[in-house]
Amino acid sequence: MGKRVSVFRHEHFNAAHRLFNPEWDDATNEKVFDKCALPNYHGHNYELVVKVTGEVDDKTGYVIDTKELSDLIKREVHKRFDHKNLNLDTKEFQNLNPTTENIVIVIYELLRPFIDSKMDLQIRLYETPRNFAEYPAS
């Protein structure tokens, strides 16, 4: 087995969302989600870190071509979510609360089919500089 290396690609997108559970009344949603449940939505400047781990290819010297990885992220994530209202403009969150935890899982599921199965994939998403989620968890 060769030496495994992790390669990281940092991208960003901007999106609005509202956290709420439609089965609850407004008071319960506000109690659980605080200001994030306000009916007029709010936005974030999301910072996305995609980590791909695998063996270095003898011919290219790459684990993965970072230009191709960047293009994949732009096509599958940025185009789908950037400057969108996640609740209203995306099919992924029509029936899924767009918490950071759910967003990071969705992004993983969008990218995983395009990354060689011999490579590990991990997604980290910063909603704010102090709040972020990672999937799969390490």
Protein backbone atom coordinates (compact mmCIF):
# COMPACT_ATOMS: atom_id res chain seq x y z
CA MET A 1 0.00 0.00 0.00
CA GLY A 2 1.30 3.44 -0.96
CA LYS A 3 1.49 6.53 1.13
CA ARG A 4 -1.85 8.24 1.73
CA VAL A 5 -2.08 12.01 1.58
CA SER A 6 -4.98 14.35 2.28
CA VAL A 7 -5.69 17.16 -0.17
CA PHE A 8 -7.97 20.07 0.78
CA ARG A 9 -9.98 22.46 -1.37
CA HIS A 10 -11.48 25.57 0.23
CA GLU A 11 -14.49 27.17 -1.48
CA HIS A 12 -17.36 29.37 -0.31
CA PHE A 13 -20.96 30.19 -1.11
CA ASN A 14 -23.59 32.55 0.24
CA ALA A 15 -27.09 31.38 1.04
CA ALA A 16 -30.15 32.24 3.10
CA HIS A 17 -32.20 29.86 5.20
CA ARG A 18 -34.66 29.55 8.00
CA LEU A 19 -34.52 26.85 10.64
CA PHE A 20 -37.92 25.54 11.62
CA ASN A 21 -39.92 22.39 12.06
CA PRO A 22 -43.29 22.64 10.28
CA GLU A 23 -44.85 20.31 12.85
CA TRP A 24 -44.26 22.89 15.59
CA ASP A 25 -45.94 26.23 16.21
CA ASP A 26 -44.01 29.49 15.87
CA ALA A 27 -43.40 29.75 19.63
CA THR A 28 -41.80 26.29 19.79
CA ASN A 29 -39.69 26.97 16.70
CA GLU A 30 -38.49 30.24 18.19
CA LYS A 31 -37.72 28.55 21.51
CA VAL A 32 -35.61 25.85 19.79
CA PHE A 33 -34.04 27.82 16.93
CA ASP A 34 -34.13 31.36 18.40
CA LYS A 35 -33.48 34.09 15.77
CA CYS A 36 -32.76 31.44 13.14
CA ALA A 37 -36.51 30.68 13.07
CA LEU A 38 -37.61 34.20 12.14
CA PRO A 39 -39.99 34.00 9.17
CA ASN A 40 -38.06 36.36 6.85
CA TYR A 41 -34.94 34.15 6.70
CA HIS A 42 -31.31 35.12 7.28
CA GLY A 43 -28.07 34.50 5.42
CA HIS A 44 -24.58 33.13 5.87
CA ASN A 45 -21.26 33.31 4.06
CA TYR A 46 -20.54 29.58 4.17
CA GLU A 47 -16.94 28.39 4.02
CA LEU A 48 -16.58 24.89 2.60
CA VAL A 49 -13.53 22.65 3.01
CA VAL A 50 -13.47 19.44 0.99
CA LYS A 51 -10.88 16.87 2.08
CA VAL A 52 -9.92 13.99 -0.21
CA THR A 53 -7.53 11.33 1.09
CA GLY A 54 -5.88 8.71 -1.05
CA GLU A 55 -2.65 7.40 -2.49
CA VAL A 56 -0.46 9.63 -4.62
CA ASP A 57 -0.63 8.60 -8.27
CA ASP A 58 2.83 7.62 -9.57
CA LYS A 59 2.24 9.22 -12.97
CA THR A 60 0.73 12.57 -11.96
CA GLY A 61 2.02 13.04 -8.43
CA TYR A 62 -1.56 13.93 -7.43
CA VAL A 63 -4.05 12.36 -5.07
CA ILE A 64 -6.67 14.26 -7.04
CA ASP A 65 -6.37 17.13 -9.49
CA THR A 66 -7.42 20.14 -7.40
CA LYS A 67 -8.62 22.00 -10.51
CA GLU A 68 -10.99 19.12 -11.26
CA LEU A 69 -12.06 19.06 -7.61
CA SER A 70 -12.74 22.80 -7.71
CA ASP A 71 -14.76 22.41 -10.91
CA LEU A 72 -16.78 19.59 -9.30
CA ILE A 73 -17.56 21.71 -6.23
CA LYS A 74 -18.59 24.65 -8.39
CA ARG A 75 -20.86 22.44 -10.50
CA GLU A 76 -22.46 20.37 -7.73
CA VAL A 77 -22.51 22.79 -4.77
CA HIS A 78 -21.87 26.38 -5.78
CA LYS A 79 -24.22 26.39 -8.77
CA ARG A 80 -26.94 24.70 -6.71
CA PHE A 81 -26.71 26.73 -3.46
CA ASP A 82 -24.87 30.03 -4.00
CA HIS A 83 -27.09 33.11 -3.58
CA LYS A 84 -30.13 30.89 -3.05
CA ASN A 85 -32.69 30.60 -0.31
CA LEU A 86 -32.06 27.00 0.73
CA ASN A 87 -35.64 26.54 1.97
CA LEU A 88 -37.33 27.95 -1.12
CA ASP A 89 -34.93 27.57 -4.06
CA THR A 90 -33.45 24.09 -3.64
CA LYS A 91 -35.01 20.66 -3.92
CA GLU A 92 -32.56 19.25 -1.36
CA PHE A 93 -34.11 21.30 1.47
CA GLN A 94 -37.76 21.32 0.48
CA ASN A 95 -38.45 18.79 3.25
CA LEU A 96 -35.18 18.92 5.19
CA ASN A 97 -34.32 21.56 7.77
CA PRO A 98 -31.21 23.35 6.38
CA THR A 99 -29.10 23.15 9.53
CA THR A 100 -25.34 23.13 9.10
CA GLU A 101 -25.42 19.43 9.99
CA ASN A 102 -27.91 18.63 7.24
CA ILE A 103 -26.18 20.86 4.68
CA VAL A 104 -22.82 19.15 5.23
CA ILE A 105 -24.40 15.71 4.74
CA VAL A 106 -26.15 16.85 1.55
CA ILE A 107 -22.89 18.24 0.15
CA TYR A 108 -21.12 14.97 0.91
CA GLU A 109 -23.86 13.02 -0.88
CA LEU A 110 -23.65 15.35 -3.89
CA LEU A 111 -19.87 14.97 -4.23
CA ARG A 112 -19.31 11.34 -3.21
CA PRO A 113 -20.42 9.77 -6.53
CA PHE A 114 -17.76 11.78 -8.38
CA ILE A 115 -14.81 10.90 -6.11
CA ASP A 116 -13.03 7.58 -6.72
CA SER A 117 -14.28 5.03 -4.18
CA LYS A 118 -10.65 4.24 -3.22
CA MET A 119 -10.42 7.76 -1.81
CA ASP A 120 -11.89 9.01 1.45
CA LEU A 121 -14.02 12.14 1.36
CA GLN A 122 -14.74 14.47 4.25
CA ILE A 123 -16.68 17.73 4.19
CA ARG A 124 -16.32 20.59 6.67
CA LEU A 125 -18.76 23.48 6.48
CA TYR A 126 -18.39 26.71 8.43
CA GLU A 127 -21.64 28.57 8.97
CA THR A 128 -19.73 31.18 10.98
CA PRO A 129 -16.06 31.27 12.01
CA ARG A 130 -17.08 29.66 15.32
CA ASN A 131 -19.81 27.24 14.15
CA PHE A 132 -19.07 24.40 11.76
CA ALA A 133 -19.91 20.77 11.06
CA GLU A 134 -17.93 17.93 9.57
CA TYR A 135 -19.14 14.78 7.80
CA PRO A 136 -18.37 12.00 8.14
CA ALA A 137 -17.37 12.65 11.73
CA SER A 138 -13.80 11.74 12.59
